[in-house]
Structure formats: structure tokens, C-alpha cells
Amino acid sequence: MEGIAALLTGDEVRRIRKRLRLTQADLARALGVTRVTVARWETGVYAIPEPTARLLQRVRKERRRAKRSR
């Protein structure tokens, strides 16, 4: 479990979500989970599953790339 939790912290999930201008409910819908699950990731109650963490990292990286190319 330690490696999975190290991929993204709850604060990073919240930052990514806010940069995308999504509510917890919007992000939950996009990921196929509940709003409560997203809230629990953000507060550290639940560990973020590795596939989800990798997806969010990818989104963050692509967003940075898109900003640089403007």
C-alpha cells in the first residue's frame, strides 16, 4: 500500500481537481466513483488506487504541457 499512497496525496488530488475547475461530484463522475470517495481521498481517509492516481498524474502532466504550448 505504501507505494500507491506515495503516488498522489489528497492535497494533490484537490489541487488537480481545482485546476481543472471541477467539483468533487464532477471528478467523481468522470472517474466512476462517488463524490464521497473523492472527498475521502482528498482528506486522506482513503488511499487513492494506483490506476486512479496514475490517471490524475497524467491529466496534470498533459495540462502543464498544454499551458506551455500556448
N, C-alpha and C. Protein backbone atom coordinates (compact mmCIF):
# COMPACT_ATOMS: atom_id res chain seq x y z
N MET A 1 0.81 -1.20 0.00
CA MET A 1 0.00 0.00 0.00
C MET A 1 0.85 1.26 0.00
N GLU A 2 2.03 1.20 0.56
CA GLU A 2 2.87 2.39 0.70
C GLU A 2 3.19 3.04 -0.63
N GLY A 3 3.54 2.24 -1.65
CA GLY A 3 3.86 2.79 -2.97
C GLY A 3 2.67 3.48 -3.63
N ILE A 4 1.50 2.93 -3.42
CA ILE A 4 0.29 3.52 -4.01
C ILE A 4 0.01 4.88 -3.39
N ALA A 5 0.07 4.96 -2.07
CA ALA A 5 -0.22 6.22 -1.39
C ALA A 5 0.80 7.29 -1.77
N ALA A 6 2.02 6.88 -2.08
CA ALA A 6 3.06 7.84 -2.42
C ALA A 6 2.85 8.47 -3.79
N LEU A 7 2.00 7.86 -4.64
CA LEU A 7 1.79 8.42 -5.97
C LEU A 7 1.18 9.80 -5.93
N LEU A 8 0.15 9.99 -5.13
CA LEU A 8 -0.54 11.27 -5.00
C LEU A 8 -1.06 11.44 -3.59
N THR A 9 -0.94 12.63 -3.08
CA THR A 9 -1.55 12.92 -1.78
C THR A 9 -2.95 13.48 -1.99
N GLY A 10 -3.71 13.54 -0.92
CA GLY A 10 -5.04 14.14 -1.00
C GLY A 10 -4.99 15.59 -1.45
N ASP A 11 -3.98 16.32 -0.95
CA ASP A 11 -3.83 17.72 -1.35
C ASP A 11 -3.57 17.85 -2.85
N GLU A 12 -2.79 16.92 -3.40
CA GLU A 12 -2.53 16.95 -4.84
C GLU A 12 -3.79 16.66 -5.64
N VAL A 13 -4.59 15.72 -5.17
CA VAL A 13 -5.86 15.43 -5.85
C VAL A 13 -6.73 16.68 -5.85
N ARG A 14 -6.82 17.34 -4.71
CA ARG A 14 -7.62 18.56 -4.60
C ARG A 14 -7.10 19.64 -5.55
N ARG A 15 -5.78 19.81 -5.59
CA ARG A 15 -5.18 20.82 -6.48
C ARG A 15 -5.47 20.53 -7.94
N ILE A 16 -5.31 19.28 -8.33
CA ILE A 16 -5.60 18.89 -9.72
C ILE A 16 -7.06 19.16 -10.05
N ARG A 17 -7.93 18.75 -9.15
CA ARG A 17 -9.37 18.95 -9.36
C ARG A 17 -9.70 20.43 -9.51
N LYS A 18 -9.15 21.25 -8.64
CA LYS A 18 -9.44 22.68 -8.70
C LYS A 18 -8.87 23.33 -9.95
N ARG A 19 -7.68 22.90 -10.37
CA ARG A 19 -7.09 23.45 -11.60
C ARG A 19 -7.94 23.10 -12.82
N LEU A 20 -8.59 21.96 -12.76
CA LEU A 20 -9.48 21.55 -13.84
C LEU A 20 -10.86 22.19 -13.71
N ARG A 21 -11.05 22.94 -12.64
CA ARG A 21 -12.32 23.61 -12.35
C ARG A 21 -13.48 22.61 -12.27
N LEU A 22 -13.22 21.54 -11.53
CA LEU A 22 -14.23 20.51 -11.33
C LEU A 22 -14.66 20.48 -9.87
N THR A 23 -15.90 20.17 -9.64
CA THR A 23 -16.36 19.90 -8.28
C THR A 23 -15.97 18.47 -7.93
N GLN A 24 -16.10 18.13 -6.67
CA GLN A 24 -15.85 16.73 -6.29
C GLN A 24 -16.80 15.82 -7.04
N ALA A 25 -18.05 16.25 -7.19
CA ALA A 25 -19.04 15.43 -7.90
C ALA A 25 -18.66 15.25 -9.37
N ASP A 26 -18.17 16.32 -10.01
CA ASP A 26 -17.75 16.23 -11.42
C ASP A 26 -16.60 15.25 -11.58
N LEU A 27 -15.59 15.37 -10.71
CA LEU A 27 -14.44 14.47 -10.80
C LEU A 27 -14.88 13.04 -10.52
N ALA A 28 -15.73 12.86 -9.54
CA ALA A 28 -16.22 11.52 -9.21
C ALA A 28 -16.92 10.88 -10.41
N ARG A 29 -17.78 11.66 -11.07
CA ARG A 29 -18.50 11.15 -12.25
C ARG A 29 -17.51 10.74 -13.34
N ALA A 30 -16.50 11.58 -13.56
CA ALA A 30 -15.51 11.29 -14.60
C ALA A 30 -14.70 10.03 -14.30
N LEU A 31 -14.50 9.75 -13.02
CA LEU A 31 -13.70 8.59 -12.62
C LEU A 31 -14.53 7.36 -12.28
N GLY A 32 -15.85 7.52 -12.25
CA GLY A 32 -16.71 6.38 -11.95
C GLY A 32 -16.75 6.01 -10.48
N VAL A 33 -16.58 7.01 -9.61
CA VAL A 33 -16.67 6.78 -8.17
C VAL A 33 -17.69 7.77 -7.60
N THR A 34 -17.90 7.71 -6.29
CA THR A 34 -18.84 8.65 -5.68
C THR A 34 -18.12 9.92 -5.23
N ARG A 35 -18.91 10.96 -5.00
CA ARG A 35 -18.36 12.22 -4.50
C ARG A 35 -17.71 12.00 -3.13
N VAL A 36 -18.31 11.15 -2.33
CA VAL A 36 -17.78 10.86 -1.00
C VAL A 36 -16.39 10.22 -1.11
N THR A 37 -16.19 9.36 -2.09
CA THR A 37 -14.88 8.75 -2.30
C THR A 37 -13.84 9.81 -2.62
N VAL A 38 -14.17 10.74 -3.51
CA VAL A 38 -13.22 11.82 -3.84
C VAL A 38 -12.92 12.64 -2.58
N ALA A 39 -13.93 12.96 -1.80
CA ALA A 39 -13.72 13.71 -0.56
C ALA A 39 -12.80 12.94 0.38
N ARG A 40 -12.99 11.64 0.46
CA ARG A 40 -12.14 10.82 1.36
C ARG A 40 -10.71 10.73 0.85
N TRP A 41 -10.50 10.71 -0.46
CA TRP A 41 -9.13 10.77 -0.99
C TRP A 41 -8.49 12.08 -0.60
N GLU A 42 -9.23 13.16 -0.78
CA GLU A 42 -8.69 14.50 -0.52
C GLU A 42 -8.36 14.71 0.95
N THR A 43 -9.08 14.07 1.85
CA THR A 43 -8.81 14.22 3.28
C THR A 43 -7.90 13.14 3.83
N GLY A 44 -7.52 12.18 2.98
CA GLY A 44 -6.60 11.14 3.41
C GLY A 44 -7.26 9.97 4.12
N VAL A 45 -8.58 9.92 4.13
CA VAL A 45 -9.29 8.80 4.77
C VAL A 45 -9.10 7.53 3.95
N TYR A 46 -9.18 7.65 2.63
CA TYR A 46 -8.96 6.52 1.72
C TYR A 46 -7.67 6.74 0.94
N ALA A 47 -6.95 5.66 0.72
CA ALA A 47 -5.81 5.72 -0.19
C ALA A 47 -6.35 5.78 -1.62
N ILE A 48 -5.64 6.47 -2.46
CA ILE A 48 -6.05 6.60 -3.86
C ILE A 48 -5.53 5.37 -4.61
N PRO A 49 -6.41 4.62 -5.28
CA PRO A 49 -5.95 3.44 -6.02
C PRO A 49 -4.91 3.83 -7.07
N GLU A 50 -3.95 2.95 -7.25
CA GLU A 50 -2.84 3.25 -8.17
C GLU A 50 -3.31 3.63 -9.57
N PRO A 51 -4.24 2.90 -10.19
CA PRO A 51 -4.66 3.30 -11.54
C PRO A 51 -5.27 4.72 -11.58
N THR A 52 -6.01 5.06 -10.56
CA THR A 52 -6.63 6.40 -10.49
C THR A 52 -5.56 7.46 -10.29
N ALA A 53 -4.61 7.19 -9.41
CA ALA A 53 -3.52 8.14 -9.16
C ALA A 53 -2.72 8.36 -10.44
N ARG A 54 -2.44 7.29 -11.17
CA ARG A 54 -1.68 7.44 -12.43
C ARG A 54 -2.47 8.25 -13.46
N LEU A 55 -3.76 8.02 -13.52
CA LEU A 55 -4.60 8.78 -14.45
C LEU A 55 -4.58 10.27 -14.09
N LEU A 56 -4.73 10.60 -12.82
CA LEU A 56 -4.71 12.00 -12.41
C LEU A 56 -3.35 12.64 -12.65
N GLN A 57 -2.27 11.88 -12.44
CA GLN A 57 -0.94 12.40 -12.73
C GLN A 57 -0.79 12.70 -14.22
N ARG A 58 -1.34 11.82 -15.04
CA ARG A 58 -1.29 12.01 -16.49
C ARG A 58 -2.05 13.27 -16.91
N VAL A 59 -3.23 13.46 -16.32
CA VAL A 59 -4.03 14.64 -16.61
C VAL A 59 -3.25 15.90 -16.22
N ARG A 60 -2.62 15.87 -15.04
CA ARG A 60 -1.84 17.02 -14.58
C ARG A 60 -0.69 17.30 -15.54
N LYS A 61 0.00 16.26 -15.98
CA LYS A 61 1.13 16.43 -16.89
C LYS A 61 0.66 17.00 -18.24
N GLU A 62 -0.41 16.48 -18.78
CA GLU A 62 -0.94 16.96 -20.06
C GLU A 62 -1.39 18.41 -19.96
N ARG A 63 -1.98 18.76 -18.85
CA ARG A 63 -2.43 20.15 -18.65
C ARG A 63 -1.23 21.10 -18.64
N ARG A 64 -0.16 20.69 -17.97
CA ARG A 64 1.05 21.52 -17.94
C ARG A 64 1.62 21.68 -19.34
N ARG A 65 1.64 20.59 -20.10
CA ARG A 65 2.15 20.64 -21.46
C ARG A 65 1.33 21.59 -22.32
N ALA A 66 0.01 21.51 -22.17
CA ALA A 66 -0.88 22.36 -22.96
C ALA A 66 -0.68 23.83 -22.61
N LYS A 67 -0.43 24.12 -21.34
CA LYS A 67 -0.20 25.51 -20.92
C LYS A 67 1.08 26.05 -21.54
N ARG A 68 2.13 25.23 -21.58
CA ARG A 68 3.41 25.67 -22.13
C ARG A 68 3.35 25.93 -23.62
N SER A 69 2.50 25.20 -24.31
CA SER A 69 2.45 25.34 -25.77
C SER A 69 1.55 26.48 -26.23
N ARG A 70 0.96 27.21 -25.31
CA ARG A 70 0.09 28.34 -25.70
C ARG A 70 0.88 29.53 -26.14
